[in-house]
Amino acid sequence: MDAKKAKVTKITKMDKLDSYNNTSFVIEFENGDKGFYTSKNPDQKKFIIGNVADYTIEQKQGSKGSYFKITVPQDAPTFKGGGFGKAPVDPKVSMISYAGSYTKDLVVAGKVQMADFEKEFNKIYSLFISKL
């Protein structure tokens, strides 16, 4: 789907809302392109008669045959850092949590005495770290 640019010549608002309460419009362009555009806003402002608009058009197959769907091209997001995602966790920090949890499981199961918790924890932690 390549972005196109053409002057809007006609807009026909459809009466029926879709299952998501969106309003459909038939948009016609000066270059002969024509298709359905769906908007959450019943008074959409993306396409205005007489204005040149950027759009993409794609042929789709529906239950009643093929039709053309018009969408507005989306700009690629630009990330400038900060707040977009989590910082990676140091695997050694995760290993501390796992080793502690597994050692606790051994204590609960009666395989290790609570007095030996630290010794068993160190064994398990060392084993995990050696595998990194």
N, C-alpha and C. Protein backbone atom coordinates (compact mmCIF):
# COMPACT_ATOMS: atom_id res chain seq x y z
N MET A 1 0.84 -1.18 0.00
CA MET A 1 0.00 0.00 0.00
C MET A 1 0.88 1.24 0.00
N ASP A 2 0.93 1.89 -1.11
CA ASP A 2 1.69 3.14 -1.20
C ASP A 2 0.78 4.31 -0.87
N ALA A 3 1.37 5.32 -0.27
CA ALA A 3 0.60 6.52 0.04
C ALA A 3 0.32 7.27 -1.26
N LYS A 4 -0.87 7.80 -1.37
CA LYS A 4 -1.28 8.59 -2.53
C LYS A 4 -1.71 9.96 -2.05
N LYS A 5 -1.85 10.86 -3.01
CA LYS A 5 -2.29 12.22 -2.71
C LYS A 5 -3.20 12.66 -3.84
N ALA A 6 -4.42 13.10 -3.49
CA ALA A 6 -5.38 13.56 -4.51
C ALA A 6 -6.42 14.45 -3.84
N LYS A 7 -7.11 15.24 -4.69
CA LYS A 7 -8.15 16.14 -4.21
C LYS A 7 -9.44 15.34 -4.01
N VAL A 8 -10.10 15.58 -2.87
CA VAL A 8 -11.37 14.93 -2.55
C VAL A 8 -12.47 15.64 -3.34
N THR A 9 -13.29 14.85 -4.07
CA THR A 9 -14.35 15.44 -4.87
C THR A 9 -15.74 15.18 -4.31
N LYS A 10 -15.90 14.08 -3.56
CA LYS A 10 -17.23 13.75 -3.04
C LYS A 10 -17.10 12.89 -1.79
N ILE A 11 -17.97 13.14 -0.81
CA ILE A 11 -18.03 12.34 0.41
C ILE A 11 -19.48 11.97 0.66
N THR A 12 -19.74 10.67 0.80
CA THR A 12 -21.09 10.19 1.10
C THR A 12 -21.04 9.49 2.45
N LYS A 13 -21.82 10.02 3.40
CA LYS A 13 -21.88 9.44 4.73
C LYS A 13 -22.90 8.30 4.74
N MET A 14 -22.50 7.14 5.23
CA MET A 14 -23.40 5.99 5.32
C MET A 14 -24.25 6.12 6.59
N ASP A 15 -25.50 5.66 6.54
CA ASP A 15 -26.43 5.82 7.66
C ASP A 15 -26.16 4.83 8.80
N LYS A 16 -25.70 3.63 8.49
CA LYS A 16 -25.59 2.57 9.48
C LYS A 16 -24.21 2.56 10.14
N LEU A 17 -24.18 2.42 11.48
CA LEU A 17 -22.92 2.29 12.22
C LEU A 17 -22.48 0.84 12.20
N ASP A 18 -21.16 0.62 12.25
CA ASP A 18 -20.68 -0.76 12.32
C ASP A 18 -20.76 -1.27 13.76
N SER A 19 -20.30 -2.50 13.99
CA SER A 19 -20.43 -3.11 15.32
C SER A 19 -19.58 -2.41 16.38
N TYR A 20 -18.64 -1.56 15.98
CA TYR A 20 -17.82 -0.79 16.92
C TYR A 20 -18.29 0.67 17.02
N ASN A 21 -19.48 0.95 16.52
CA ASN A 21 -20.06 2.30 16.50
C ASN A 21 -19.25 3.28 15.67
N ASN A 22 -18.58 2.79 14.64
CA ASN A 22 -17.86 3.65 13.71
C ASN A 22 -18.78 4.02 12.55
N THR A 23 -18.56 5.19 12.00
CA THR A 23 -19.33 5.67 10.85
C THR A 23 -18.52 5.42 9.58
N SER A 24 -19.17 4.93 8.54
CA SER A 24 -18.49 4.69 7.27
C SER A 24 -18.84 5.80 6.28
N PHE A 25 -17.88 6.11 5.43
CA PHE A 25 -18.04 7.13 4.39
C PHE A 25 -17.53 6.54 3.08
N VAL A 26 -18.12 6.96 1.98
CA VAL A 26 -17.56 6.66 0.66
C VAL A 26 -16.84 7.93 0.23
N ILE A 27 -15.54 7.81 0.01
CA ILE A 27 -14.72 8.95 -0.37
C ILE A 27 -14.34 8.79 -1.84
N GLU A 28 -14.53 9.87 -2.63
CA GLU A 28 -14.16 9.86 -4.04
C GLU A 28 -13.11 10.94 -4.28
N PHE A 29 -12.11 10.60 -5.11
CA PHE A 29 -11.00 11.50 -5.39
C PHE A 29 -10.99 11.90 -6.85
N GLU A 30 -10.32 13.01 -7.11
CA GLU A 30 -10.21 13.57 -8.46
C GLU A 30 -9.55 12.60 -9.44
N ASN A 31 -8.66 11.73 -8.94
CA ASN A 31 -7.95 10.80 -9.82
C ASN A 31 -8.76 9.53 -10.13
N GLY A 32 -10.01 9.45 -9.63
CA GLY A 32 -10.86 8.30 -9.92
C GLY A 32 -10.90 7.27 -8.80
N ASP A 33 -10.02 7.38 -7.83
CA ASP A 33 -10.07 6.45 -6.69
C ASP A 33 -11.34 6.67 -5.90
N LYS A 34 -11.89 5.56 -5.39
CA LYS A 34 -13.13 5.63 -4.61
C LYS A 34 -13.12 4.45 -3.65
N GLY A 35 -13.49 4.70 -2.40
CA GLY A 35 -13.51 3.61 -1.45
C GLY A 35 -14.15 3.99 -0.13
N PHE A 36 -14.23 3.01 0.76
CA PHE A 36 -14.83 3.20 2.07
C PHE A 36 -13.79 3.66 3.07
N TYR A 37 -14.17 4.64 3.88
CA TYR A 37 -13.34 5.13 4.97
C TYR A 37 -14.18 5.04 6.24
N THR A 38 -13.60 4.51 7.31
CA THR A 38 -14.31 4.35 8.57
C THR A 38 -13.71 5.27 9.61
N SER A 39 -14.59 5.95 10.37
CA SER A 39 -14.14 6.91 11.38
C SER A 39 -14.93 6.74 12.66
N LYS A 40 -14.25 6.91 13.80
CA LYS A 40 -14.95 6.90 15.09
C LYS A 40 -15.82 8.16 15.22
N ASN A 41 -15.39 9.22 14.55
CA ASN A 41 -16.09 10.50 14.62
C ASN A 41 -17.11 10.58 13.47
N PRO A 42 -18.40 10.74 13.78
CA PRO A 42 -19.41 10.83 12.71
C PRO A 42 -19.25 12.08 11.84
N ASP A 43 -18.47 13.04 12.30
CA ASP A 43 -18.18 14.25 11.51
C ASP A 43 -16.69 14.27 11.21
N GLN A 44 -16.20 13.22 10.55
CA GLN A 44 -14.76 13.09 10.30
C GLN A 44 -14.18 14.33 9.66
N LYS A 45 -12.92 14.63 9.97
CA LYS A 45 -12.25 15.83 9.46
C LYS A 45 -11.00 15.49 8.65
N LYS A 46 -10.75 14.21 8.40
CA LYS A 46 -9.56 13.80 7.65
C LYS A 46 -9.69 14.13 6.16
N PHE A 47 -10.88 13.97 5.63
CA PHE A 47 -11.13 14.21 4.22
C PHE A 47 -12.17 15.33 4.08
N ILE A 48 -11.81 16.37 3.36
CA ILE A 48 -12.69 17.52 3.16
C ILE A 48 -12.78 17.79 1.66
N ILE A 49 -14.00 17.94 1.16
CA ILE A 49 -14.20 18.18 -0.27
C ILE A 49 -13.41 19.41 -0.71
N GLY A 50 -12.66 19.26 -1.80
CA GLY A 50 -11.87 20.36 -2.36
C GLY A 50 -10.44 20.40 -1.85
N ASN A 51 -10.14 19.68 -0.77
CA ASN A 51 -8.77 19.65 -0.24
C ASN A 51 -8.02 18.44 -0.77
N VAL A 52 -6.73 18.59 -0.92
CA VAL A 52 -5.86 17.47 -1.29
C VAL A 52 -5.58 16.68 -0.02
N ALA A 53 -5.71 15.36 -0.10
CA ALA A 53 -5.53 14.51 1.07
C ALA A 53 -4.52 13.41 0.79
N ASP A 54 -3.77 13.04 1.81
CA ASP A 54 -2.90 11.86 1.75
C ASP A 54 -3.74 10.66 2.17
N TYR A 55 -3.61 9.54 1.47
CA TYR A 55 -4.39 8.36 1.80
C TYR A 55 -3.72 7.13 1.21
N THR A 56 -4.17 5.97 1.68
CA THR A 56 -3.80 4.71 1.04
C THR A 56 -5.10 4.02 0.67
N ILE A 57 -5.06 3.23 -0.39
CA ILE A 57 -6.25 2.52 -0.84
C ILE A 57 -5.87 1.07 -1.06
N GLU A 58 -6.71 0.17 -0.58
CA GLU A 58 -6.42 -1.26 -0.65
C GLU A 58 -7.69 -2.01 -1.03
N GLN A 59 -7.56 -2.95 -1.96
CA GLN A 59 -8.72 -3.76 -2.35
C GLN A 59 -8.90 -4.87 -1.34
N LYS A 60 -10.12 -5.04 -0.85
CA LYS A 60 -10.46 -6.06 0.14
C LYS A 60 -11.54 -6.96 -0.42
N GLN A 61 -11.69 -8.14 0.17
CA GLN A 61 -12.73 -9.08 -0.23
C GLN A 61 -13.73 -9.18 0.91
N GLY A 62 -14.99 -8.86 0.64
CA GLY A 62 -16.05 -8.94 1.65
C GLY A 62 -17.04 -10.02 1.29
N SER A 63 -18.06 -10.18 2.13
CA SER A 63 -19.08 -11.20 1.89
C SER A 63 -19.91 -10.91 0.65
N LYS A 64 -19.97 -9.63 0.25
CA LYS A 64 -20.76 -9.25 -0.93
C LYS A 64 -19.88 -8.93 -2.13
N GLY A 65 -18.62 -9.33 -2.09
CA GLY A 65 -17.70 -9.07 -3.19
C GLY A 65 -16.53 -8.20 -2.76
N SER A 66 -15.78 -7.71 -3.73
CA SER A 66 -14.61 -6.91 -3.40
C SER A 66 -14.98 -5.43 -3.29
N TYR A 67 -14.19 -4.73 -2.50
CA TYR A 67 -14.39 -3.29 -2.31
C TYR A 67 -13.04 -2.66 -2.02
N PHE A 68 -12.98 -1.33 -2.04
CA PHE A 68 -11.74 -0.62 -1.74
C PHE A 68 -11.85 0.05 -0.38
N LYS A 69 -10.81 -0.10 0.42
CA LYS A 69 -10.75 0.50 1.75
C LYS A 69 -9.73 1.63 1.73
N ILE A 70 -10.12 2.78 2.23
CA ILE A 70 -9.23 3.95 2.29
C ILE A 70 -8.82 4.16 3.74
N THR A 71 -7.54 4.40 3.93
CA THR A 71 -7.02 4.70 5.26
C THR A 71 -6.09 5.90 5.16
N VAL A 72 -5.84 6.50 6.31
CA VAL A 72 -4.91 7.62 6.40
C VAL A 72 -3.54 7.03 6.74
N PRO A 73 -2.48 7.38 5.98
CA PRO A 73 -1.15 6.82 6.28
C PRO A 73 -0.71 7.23 7.69
N GLN A 74 -0.11 6.29 8.39
CA GLN A 74 0.38 6.55 9.74
C GLN A 74 1.86 6.88 9.67
N ASP A 75 2.25 7.93 10.39
CA ASP A 75 3.67 8.27 10.47
C ASP A 75 4.36 7.25 11.35
N ALA A 76 5.59 6.93 11.01
CA ALA A 76 6.37 6.02 11.84
C ALA A 76 6.66 6.70 13.17
N PRO A 77 6.50 5.97 14.28
CA PRO A 77 6.75 6.60 15.58
C PRO A 77 8.24 6.92 15.74
N THR A 78 8.50 8.06 16.34
CA THR A 78 9.89 8.42 16.63
C THR A 78 10.09 8.35 18.13
N PHE A 79 11.07 7.58 18.53
CA PHE A 79 11.35 7.41 19.95
C PHE A 79 12.58 8.23 20.30
N LYS A 80 12.42 9.05 21.29
CA LYS A 80 13.51 9.91 21.71
C LYS A 80 14.05 9.50 23.07
N GLY A 81 13.72 8.29 23.48
CA GLY A 81 14.23 7.77 24.76
C GLY A 81 13.36 8.17 25.92
N GLY A 82 13.57 7.51 27.00
CA GLY A 82 12.87 7.83 28.23
C GLY A 82 11.44 7.36 28.25
N GLY A 83 11.12 6.49 29.16
CA GLY A 83 9.74 6.09 29.38
C GLY A 83 9.15 5.10 28.39
N PHE A 84 9.87 4.71 27.36
CA PHE A 84 9.33 3.76 26.38
C PHE A 84 9.90 2.38 26.65
N GLY A 85 9.33 1.67 27.58
CA GLY A 85 9.79 0.32 27.85
C GLY A 85 10.62 0.26 29.12
N LYS A 86 10.90 -0.95 29.50
CA LYS A 86 11.63 -1.18 30.73
C LYS A 86 13.12 -1.35 30.44
N ALA A 87 13.92 -0.96 31.41
CA ALA A 87 15.35 -1.19 31.30
C ALA A 87 15.59 -2.69 31.46
N PRO A 88 16.55 -3.24 30.74
CA PRO A 88 16.80 -4.67 30.87
C PRO A 88 17.25 -5.02 32.29
N VAL A 89 16.80 -6.16 32.76
CA VAL A 89 17.16 -6.63 34.10
C VAL A 89 18.46 -7.41 34.01
N ASP A 90 19.36 -7.13 34.92
CA ASP A 90 20.63 -7.86 34.98
C ASP A 90 20.32 -9.32 35.32
N PRO A 91 20.80 -10.27 34.52
CA PRO A 91 20.48 -11.68 34.78
C PRO A 91 20.93 -12.15 36.16
N LYS A 92 21.97 -11.54 36.70
CA LYS A 92 22.44 -11.94 38.03
C LYS A 92 21.39 -11.61 39.09
N VAL A 93 20.66 -10.51 38.89
CA VAL A 93 19.60 -10.15 39.83
C VAL A 93 18.49 -11.19 39.78
N SER A 94 18.14 -11.63 38.58
CA SER A 94 17.11 -12.67 38.44
C SER A 94 17.56 -13.97 39.09
N MET A 95 18.83 -14.30 38.96
CA MET A 95 19.36 -15.54 39.53
C MET A 95 19.26 -15.53 41.05
N ILE A 96 19.42 -14.36 41.67
CA ILE A 96 19.27 -14.26 43.13
C ILE A 96 17.86 -14.67 43.52
N SER A 97 16.89 -14.14 42.79
CA SER A 97 15.49 -14.45 43.09
C SER A 97 15.19 -15.93 42.90
N TYR A 98 15.65 -16.50 41.78
CA TYR A 98 15.40 -17.91 41.51
C TYR A 98 16.08 -18.79 42.56
N ALA A 99 17.33 -18.50 42.86
CA ALA A 99 18.06 -19.32 43.83
C ALA A 99 17.39 -19.26 45.19
N GLY A 100 16.94 -18.08 45.60
CA GLY A 100 16.24 -17.95 46.88
C GLY A 100 14.95 -18.75 46.89
N SER A 101 14.22 -18.69 45.80
CA SER A 101 12.95 -19.41 45.71
C SER A 101 13.17 -20.92 45.74
N TYR A 102 14.15 -21.40 44.99
CA TYR A 102 14.42 -22.84 44.95
C TYR A 102 14.93 -23.33 46.30
N THR A 103 15.74 -22.54 46.96
CA THR A 103 16.24 -22.92 48.28
C THR A 103 15.08 -23.00 49.27
N LYS A 104 14.17 -22.04 49.21
CA LYS A 104 12.99 -22.07 50.07
C LYS A 104 12.17 -23.33 49.82
N ASP A 105 12.04 -23.71 48.55
CA ASP A 105 11.29 -24.93 48.22
C ASP A 105 11.93 -26.16 48.85
N LEU A 106 13.27 -26.21 48.88
CA LEU A 106 13.96 -27.34 49.49
C LEU A 106 13.73 -27.37 51.01
N VAL A 107 13.68 -26.18 51.61
CA VAL A 107 13.41 -26.11 53.05
C VAL A 107 12.00 -26.58 53.34
N VAL A 108 11.03 -26.12 52.56
CA VAL A 108 9.63 -26.51 52.76
C VAL A 108 9.44 -28.01 52.56
N ALA A 109 10.16 -28.57 51.58
CA ALA A 109 10.05 -30.01 51.30
C ALA A 109 10.77 -30.86 52.33
N GLY A 110 11.53 -30.24 53.24
CA GLY A 110 12.26 -30.98 54.27
C GLY A 110 13.58 -31.56 53.79
N LYS A 111 14.05 -31.17 52.64
CA LYS A 111 15.32 -31.67 52.09
C LYS A 111 16.51 -30.90 52.65
N VAL A 112 16.29 -29.67 53.12
CA VAL A 112 17.34 -28.81 53.64
C VAL A 112 16.82 -28.18 54.94
N GLN A 113 17.70 -28.07 55.94
CA GLN A 113 17.33 -27.41 57.19
C GLN A 113 17.45 -25.90 57.03
N MET A 114 16.63 -25.17 57.75
CA MET A 114 16.65 -23.71 57.67
C MET A 114 18.02 -23.17 58.05
N ALA A 115 18.71 -23.82 58.94
CA ALA A 115 20.05 -23.39 59.36
C ALA A 115 21.03 -23.46 58.18
N ASP A 116 20.75 -24.30 57.20
CA ASP A 116 21.63 -24.46 56.04
C ASP A 116 21.16 -23.66 54.83
N PHE A 117 20.19 -22.78 55.03
CA PHE A 117 19.61 -22.02 53.91
C PHE A 117 20.67 -21.27 53.12
N GLU A 118 21.53 -20.50 53.81
CA GLU A 118 22.52 -19.67 53.11
C GLU A 118 23.51 -20.53 52.32
N LYS A 119 23.96 -21.63 52.92
CA LYS A 119 24.92 -22.53 52.24
C LYS A 119 24.29 -23.10 50.96
N GLU A 120 23.04 -23.57 51.05
CA GLU A 120 22.36 -24.15 49.88
C GLU A 120 22.05 -23.07 48.83
N PHE A 121 21.65 -21.88 49.32
CA PHE A 121 21.41 -20.77 48.41
C PHE A 121 22.66 -20.48 47.59
N ASN A 122 23.82 -20.38 48.25
CA ASN A 122 25.08 -20.08 47.56
C ASN A 122 25.42 -21.15 46.53
N LYS A 123 25.15 -22.43 46.84
CA LYS A 123 25.41 -23.51 45.88
C LYS A 123 24.56 -23.32 44.61
N ILE A 124 23.27 -23.09 44.85
CA ILE A 124 22.34 -22.94 43.71
C ILE A 124 22.67 -21.69 42.91
N TYR A 125 22.91 -20.58 43.60
CA TYR A 125 23.24 -19.32 42.91
C TYR A 125 24.51 -19.48 42.09
N SER A 126 25.54 -20.10 42.65
CA SER A 126 26.81 -20.29 41.93
C SER A 126 26.60 -21.15 40.69
N LEU A 127 25.76 -22.18 40.83
CA LEU A 127 25.47 -23.04 39.68
C LEU A 127 24.79 -22.25 38.58
N PHE A 128 23.78 -21.43 38.93
CA PHE A 128 23.08 -20.62 37.93
C PHE A 128 24.02 -19.63 37.24
N ILE A 129 24.84 -18.95 38.01
CA ILE A 129 25.74 -17.93 37.45
C ILE A 129 26.77 -18.60 36.53
N SER A 130 27.18 -19.81 36.83
CA SER A 130 28.17 -20.49 35.98
C SER A 130 27.60 -20.81 34.61
N LYS A 131 26.29 -20.82 34.48
CA LYS A 131 25.64 -21.16 33.20
C LYS A 131 25.40 -19.94 32.31
N LEU A 132 25.67 -18.74 32.84
CA LEU A 132 25.46 -17.52 32.03
C LEU A 132 26.53 -17.38 30.99
